Amino acid sequence: RVSVVRASIAWPGLLSVDVETVTLTNPAGFANEALLLVAKLGVTLSIWSVFSWCVKVVRLEAEDITVWLERKEGLGVNAVRYYNFVRRGDAEEPARSEEEARKQTDTILSLMGVMPNEFIHS
């Protein structure tokens, strides 16, 4: 769900789009409705680069970002399910043990700069 607040084209060839409330919905079966919520998002890019293989982003700003990471028995990690859906067109994860699922969650958290549970509870 996205609400475009403002879009403008400036010479010499810049396209700016400012958006309010970007919501990425959680895959089915998880507790929270949203996986990601961004209160404001602003992007400016070179219009001419849209016609090439590499789009040049001049500005990217995001405010008030909230990410809900969940791991649910039988479903795995919500972010991984979403990634699989976008990448492969399905949300299924290969079966894995609880220990493998915990390590995967800790890896995702550490990539986001969040301390994994093993460090918090030690």
Foldseek 3Di string as FASTA:
>chain_A
DWAWDDWDADPPAKIKTKIAWDFDAWPPPDDDGTQKIWGIWMWMWGRVCVPDPDTGTPDIDTPDMDGDWDQDVPQAIRVQLVVCCVPPVGSDDPDDDPVVSLVVVQVVCVVVVHHRPVVVVD
